[in-house]
Amino acid sequence: MKFEIDTLGIIRSPYKEKFAIPRQPGLVKSARARLELLPPYDQPDVLRGIEQFSHLWLSFVFHQTMAQGWHPTVRPPRLGGNERVGVFATRSTFRPNPLGLSVVELHGVGRERGKLWLELGAVDLLDGTPIVDIKPYIP
């Protein structure tokens, strides 16, 4: 089976290259980003009620590593980069389906001149990352 997934929005973050990004979203609490929603998802109704949540799940595409394909085994940094393990036992960006998942803090909703965005904190996403889904995080 094949699926087509729309990009709902784009992340604007301080991280311009992969190696500057923290390994997990909560490691740099001061890291701020903006998720700019794209048409036709830039309607206020899509975010109605979202302010009641402190955190969100963001599903995204590892867009910078897609062209390189995936590998069945990888060397994760948490093991010193010396040991190979299966890709599904890691958070590697080189995956069969280049999808990622991140929990971020929700700091607010912004709207100006027809643009709609979410203000986020504790992010671990590269600037320009395409977001394919947004869900409330319920601990």
C-alpha atoms as a PDB file:
ATOM      1  CA  MET A   1       0.000   0.000   0.000  1.00  0.00           C
ATOM      2  CA  LYS A   2       1.034   3.574  -0.620  1.00  0.00           C
ATOM      3  CA  PHE A   3      -0.269   6.664   1.135  1.00  0.00           C
ATOM      4  CA  GLU A   4      -0.151  10.332   0.315  1.00  0.00           C
ATOM      5  CA  ILE A   5       0.234  12.706   3.267  1.00  0.00           C
ATOM      6  CA  ASP A   6      -0.144  16.480   3.136  1.00  0.00           C
ATOM      7  CA  THR A   7       2.205  18.900   4.829  1.00  0.00           C
ATOM      8  CA  LEU A   8       0.093  20.834   7.355  1.00  0.00           C
ATOM      9  CA  GLY A   9       2.770  23.310   8.326  1.00  0.00           C
ATOM     10  CA  ILE A  10       6.452  24.156   8.489  1.00  0.00           C
ATOM     11  CA  ILE A  11       8.640  24.528  11.584  1.00  0.00           C
ATOM     12  CA  ARG A  12      10.644  27.727  12.029  1.00  0.00           C
ATOM     13  CA  SER A  13      13.313  26.956  14.624  1.00  0.00           C
ATOM     14  CA  PRO A  14      16.782  28.145  15.639  1.00  0.00           C
ATOM     15  CA  TYR A  15      18.282  24.828  14.469  1.00  0.00           C
ATOM     16  CA  LYS A  16      19.641  25.283  10.946  1.00  0.00           C
ATOM     17  CA  GLU A  17      21.627  22.032  10.773  1.00  0.00           C
ATOM     18  CA  LYS A  18      21.016  18.494  12.006  1.00  0.00           C
ATOM     19  CA  PHE A  19      23.976  18.303  14.375  1.00  0.00           C
ATOM     20  CA  ALA A  20      22.825  21.325  16.406  1.00  0.00           C
ATOM     21  CA  ILE A  21      19.530  19.691  17.400  1.00  0.00           C
ATOM     22  CA  PRO A  22      19.136  18.207  20.903  1.00  0.00           C
ATOM     23  CA  ARG A  23      18.570  14.425  20.922  1.00  0.00           C
ATOM     24  CA  GLN A  24      15.230  14.778  22.716  1.00  0.00           C
ATOM     25  CA  PRO A  25      12.707  17.627  22.773  1.00  0.00           C
ATOM     26  CA  GLY A  26      12.793  18.338  26.521  1.00  0.00           C
ATOM     27  CA  LEU A  27      16.587  18.692  26.822  1.00  0.00           C
ATOM     28  CA  VAL A  28      16.679  22.392  25.902  1.00  0.00           C
ATOM     29  CA  LYS A  29      13.663  23.967  27.594  1.00  0.00           C
ATOM     30  CA  SER A  30      14.530  27.425  26.253  1.00  0.00           C
ATOM     31  CA  ALA A  31      14.429  26.295  22.598  1.00  0.00           C
ATOM     32  CA  ARG A  32      11.531  28.093  20.916  1.00  0.00           C
ATOM     33  CA  ALA A  33       9.969  27.521  17.519  1.00  0.00           C
ATOM     34  CA  ARG A  34       6.966  28.473  15.468  1.00  0.00           C
ATOM     35  CA  LEU A  35       4.792  26.057  13.522  1.00  0.00           C
ATOM     36  CA  GLU A  36       3.383  28.008  10.574  1.00  0.00           C
ATOM     37  CA  LEU A  37       0.242  26.369   9.204  1.00  0.00           C
ATOM     38  CA  LEU A  38      -0.153  26.132   5.429  1.00  0.00           C
ATOM     39  CA  PRO A  39      -3.334  26.455   3.347  1.00  0.00           C
ATOM     40  CA  PRO A  40      -5.894  24.947   3.562  1.00  0.00           C
ATOM     41  CA  TYR A  41      -4.988  24.105   7.184  1.00  0.00           C
ATOM     42  CA  ASP A  42      -4.421  27.736   8.205  1.00  0.00           C
ATOM     43  CA  GLN A  43      -8.011  28.244   9.371  1.00  0.00           C
ATOM     44  CA  PRO A  44      -8.653  29.203  13.013  1.00  0.00           C
ATOM     45  CA  ASP A  45     -11.197  26.383  13.393  1.00  0.00           C
ATOM     46  CA  VAL A  46      -8.493  23.700  13.061  1.00  0.00           C
ATOM     47  CA  LEU A  47      -6.965  24.928  16.338  1.00  0.00           C
ATOM     48  CA  ARG A  48     -10.186  25.499  18.272  1.00  0.00           C
ATOM     49  CA  GLY A  49      -9.663  24.181  21.819  1.00  0.00           C
ATOM     50  CA  ILE A  50      -5.941  23.497  21.425  1.00  0.00           C
ATOM     51  CA  GLU A  51      -5.028  26.142  24.032  1.00  0.00           C
ATOM     52  CA  GLN A  52      -6.272  23.837  26.807  1.00  0.00           C
ATOM     53  CA  PHE A  53      -3.262  21.566  26.283  1.00  0.00           C
ATOM     54  CA  SER A  54       0.229  22.239  27.608  1.00  0.00           C
ATOM     55  CA  HIS A  55       1.974  19.913  25.145  1.00  0.00           C
ATOM     56  CA  LEU A  56       1.465  18.586  21.624  1.00  0.00           C
ATOM     57  CA  TRP A  57       2.561  15.582  19.603  1.00  0.00           C
ATOM     58  CA  LEU A  58       4.003  16.624  16.243  1.00  0.00           C
ATOM     59  CA  SER A  59       4.374  14.056  13.469  1.00  0.00           C
ATOM     60  CA  PHE A  60       6.951  15.164  10.944  1.00  0.00           C
ATOM     61  CA  VAL A  61       9.040  14.081   7.972  1.00  0.00           C
ATOM     62  CA  PHE A  62      12.829  13.669   8.158  1.00  0.00           C
ATOM     63  CA  HIS A  63      13.048  15.699   4.957  1.00  0.00           C
ATOM     64  CA  GLN A  64      16.834  16.080   4.831  1.00  0.00           C
ATOM     65  CA  THR A  65      17.606  12.362   4.929  1.00  0.00           C
ATOM     66  CA  MET A  66      14.788  11.013   2.718  1.00  0.00           C
ATOM     67  CA  ALA A  67      16.853  10.966  -0.476  1.00  0.00           C
ATOM     68  CA  GLN A  68      19.582   8.881   1.189  1.00  0.00           C
ATOM     69  CA  GLY A  69      17.165   6.047   1.873  1.00  0.00           C
ATOM     70  CA  TRP A  70      17.034   3.784   4.880  1.00  0.00           C
ATOM     71  CA  HIS A  71      19.355   1.195   6.382  1.00  0.00           C
ATOM     72  CA  PRO A  72      18.327  -1.979   8.263  1.00  0.00           C
ATOM     73  CA  THR A  73      20.994  -1.341  10.907  1.00  0.00           C
ATOM     74  CA  VAL A  74      22.449   1.898  12.239  1.00  0.00           C
ATOM     75  CA  ARG A  75      25.021   3.065  14.795  1.00  0.00           C
ATOM     76  CA  PRO A  76      23.175   5.203  17.353  1.00  0.00           C
ATOM     77  CA  PRO A  77      25.099   7.894  19.259  1.00  0.00           C
ATOM     78  CA  ARG A  78      23.690   6.622  22.580  1.00  0.00           C
ATOM     79  CA  LEU A  79      25.847   3.496  22.106  1.00  0.00           C
ATOM     80  CA  GLY A  80      28.917   5.521  21.199  1.00  0.00           C
ATOM     81  CA  GLY A  81      28.381   5.014  17.474  1.00  0.00           C
ATOM     82  CA  ASN A  82      30.350   1.745  17.616  1.00  0.00           C
ATOM     83  CA  GLU A  83      27.578  -0.836  17.826  1.00  0.00           C
ATOM     84  CA  ARG A  84      25.060  -1.610  15.072  1.00  0.00           C
ATOM     85  CA  VAL A  85      21.436  -2.203  16.035  1.00  0.00           C
ATOM     86  CA  GLY A  86      18.219  -2.571  14.054  1.00  0.00           C
ATOM     87  CA  VAL A  87      16.712   0.664  12.781  1.00  0.00           C
ATOM     88  CA  PHE A  88      13.476   0.010  14.719  1.00  0.00           C
ATOM     89  CA  ALA A  89      15.480  -0.099  17.969  1.00  0.00           C
ATOM     90  CA  THR A  90      16.656   3.491  17.385  1.00  0.00           C
ATOM     91  CA  ARG A  91      15.500   7.034  16.741  1.00  0.00           C
ATOM     92  CA  SER A  92      17.529   7.152  13.513  1.00  0.00           C
ATOM     93  CA  THR A  93      16.406   9.491  10.742  1.00  0.00           C
ATOM     94  CA  PHE A  94      17.241   6.811   8.141  1.00  0.00           C
ATOM     95  CA  ARG A  95      13.935   4.927   8.307  1.00  0.00           C
ATOM     96  CA  PRO A  96      11.822   3.000   5.774  1.00  0.00           C
ATOM     97  CA  ASN A  97       9.154   5.674   6.218  1.00  0.00           C
ATOM     98  CA  PRO A  98      10.979   8.872   7.177  1.00  0.00           C
ATOM     99  CA  LEU A  99       8.507   9.886   9.897  1.00  0.00           C
ATOM    100  CA  GLY A 100       9.360  11.345  13.269  1.00  0.00           C
ATOM    101  CA  LEU A 101       7.395  12.092  16.421  1.00  0.00           C
ATOM    102  CA  SER A 102       8.114  14.819  18.937  1.00  0.00           C
ATOM    103  CA  VAL A 103       6.413  16.115  22.092  1.00  0.00           C
ATOM    104  CA  VAL A 104       6.683  19.900  22.368  1.00  0.00           C
ATOM    105  CA  GLU A 105       5.379  22.558  24.739  1.00  0.00           C
ATOM    106  CA  LEU A 106       2.512  24.706  23.491  1.00  0.00           C
ATOM    107  CA  HIS A 107       3.069  28.362  24.388  1.00  0.00           C
ATOM    108  CA  GLY A 108       0.274  29.915  22.358  1.00  0.00           C
ATOM    109  CA  VAL A 109      -1.549  30.488  19.105  1.00  0.00           C
ATOM    110  CA  GLY A 110      -0.799  33.435  16.829  1.00  0.00           C
ATOM    111  CA  ARG A 111      -2.723  34.986  13.970  1.00  0.00           C
ATOM    112  CA  GLU A 112      -1.782  38.022  11.919  1.00  0.00           C
ATOM    113  CA  ARG A 113      -2.410  39.120   8.319  1.00  0.00           C
ATOM    114  CA  GLY A 114      -4.092  35.843   7.410  1.00  0.00           C
ATOM    115  CA  LYS A 115      -1.252  33.718   8.824  1.00  0.00           C
ATOM    116  CA  LEU A 116      -1.867  31.203  11.613  1.00  0.00           C
ATOM    117  CA  TRP A 117       0.815  29.610  13.783  1.00  0.00           C
ATOM    118  CA  LEU A 118       1.601  27.830  17.041  1.00  0.00           C
ATOM    119  CA  GLU A 119       4.280  29.116  19.410  1.00  0.00           C
ATOM    120  CA  LEU A 120       6.239  26.123  20.719  1.00  0.00           C
ATOM    121  CA  GLY A 121       8.879  25.405  23.337  1.00  0.00           C
ATOM    122  CA  ALA A 122      11.307  22.578  24.162  1.00  0.00           C
ATOM    123  CA  VAL A 123      11.645  21.704  20.467  1.00  0.00           C
ATOM    124  CA  ASP A 124      14.073  19.356  18.737  1.00  0.00           C
ATOM    125  CA  LEU A 125      13.142  20.102  15.129  1.00  0.00           C
ATOM    126  CA  LEU A 126      15.196  21.416  12.242  1.00  0.00           C
ATOM    127  CA  ASP A 127      14.175  24.720  10.675  1.00  0.00           C
ATOM    128  CA  GLY A 128      11.991  23.948   7.651  1.00  0.00           C
ATOM    129  CA  THR A 129      10.765  20.572   8.948  1.00  0.00           C
ATOM    130  CA  PRO A 130       7.426  19.596   7.363  1.00  0.00           C
ATOM    131  CA  ILE A 131       4.724  18.758   9.920  1.00  0.00           C
ATOM    132  CA  VAL A 132       2.159  16.153   8.849  1.00  0.00           C
ATOM    133  CA  ASP A 133       0.017  15.905  11.999  1.00  0.00           C
ATOM    134  CA  ILE A 134      -0.673  17.673  15.295  1.00  0.00           C
ATOM    135  CA  LYS A 135      -2.291  15.983  18.285  1.00  0.00           C
ATOM    136  CA  PRO A 136      -2.752  17.007  21.910  1.00  0.00           C
ATOM    137  CA  TYR A 137      -0.399  15.281  24.332  1.00  0.00           C
ATOM    138  CA  ILE A 138      -2.258  13.963  27.344  1.00  0.00           C
ATOM    139  CA  PRO A 139       0.115  12.695  30.066  1.00  0.00           C
END
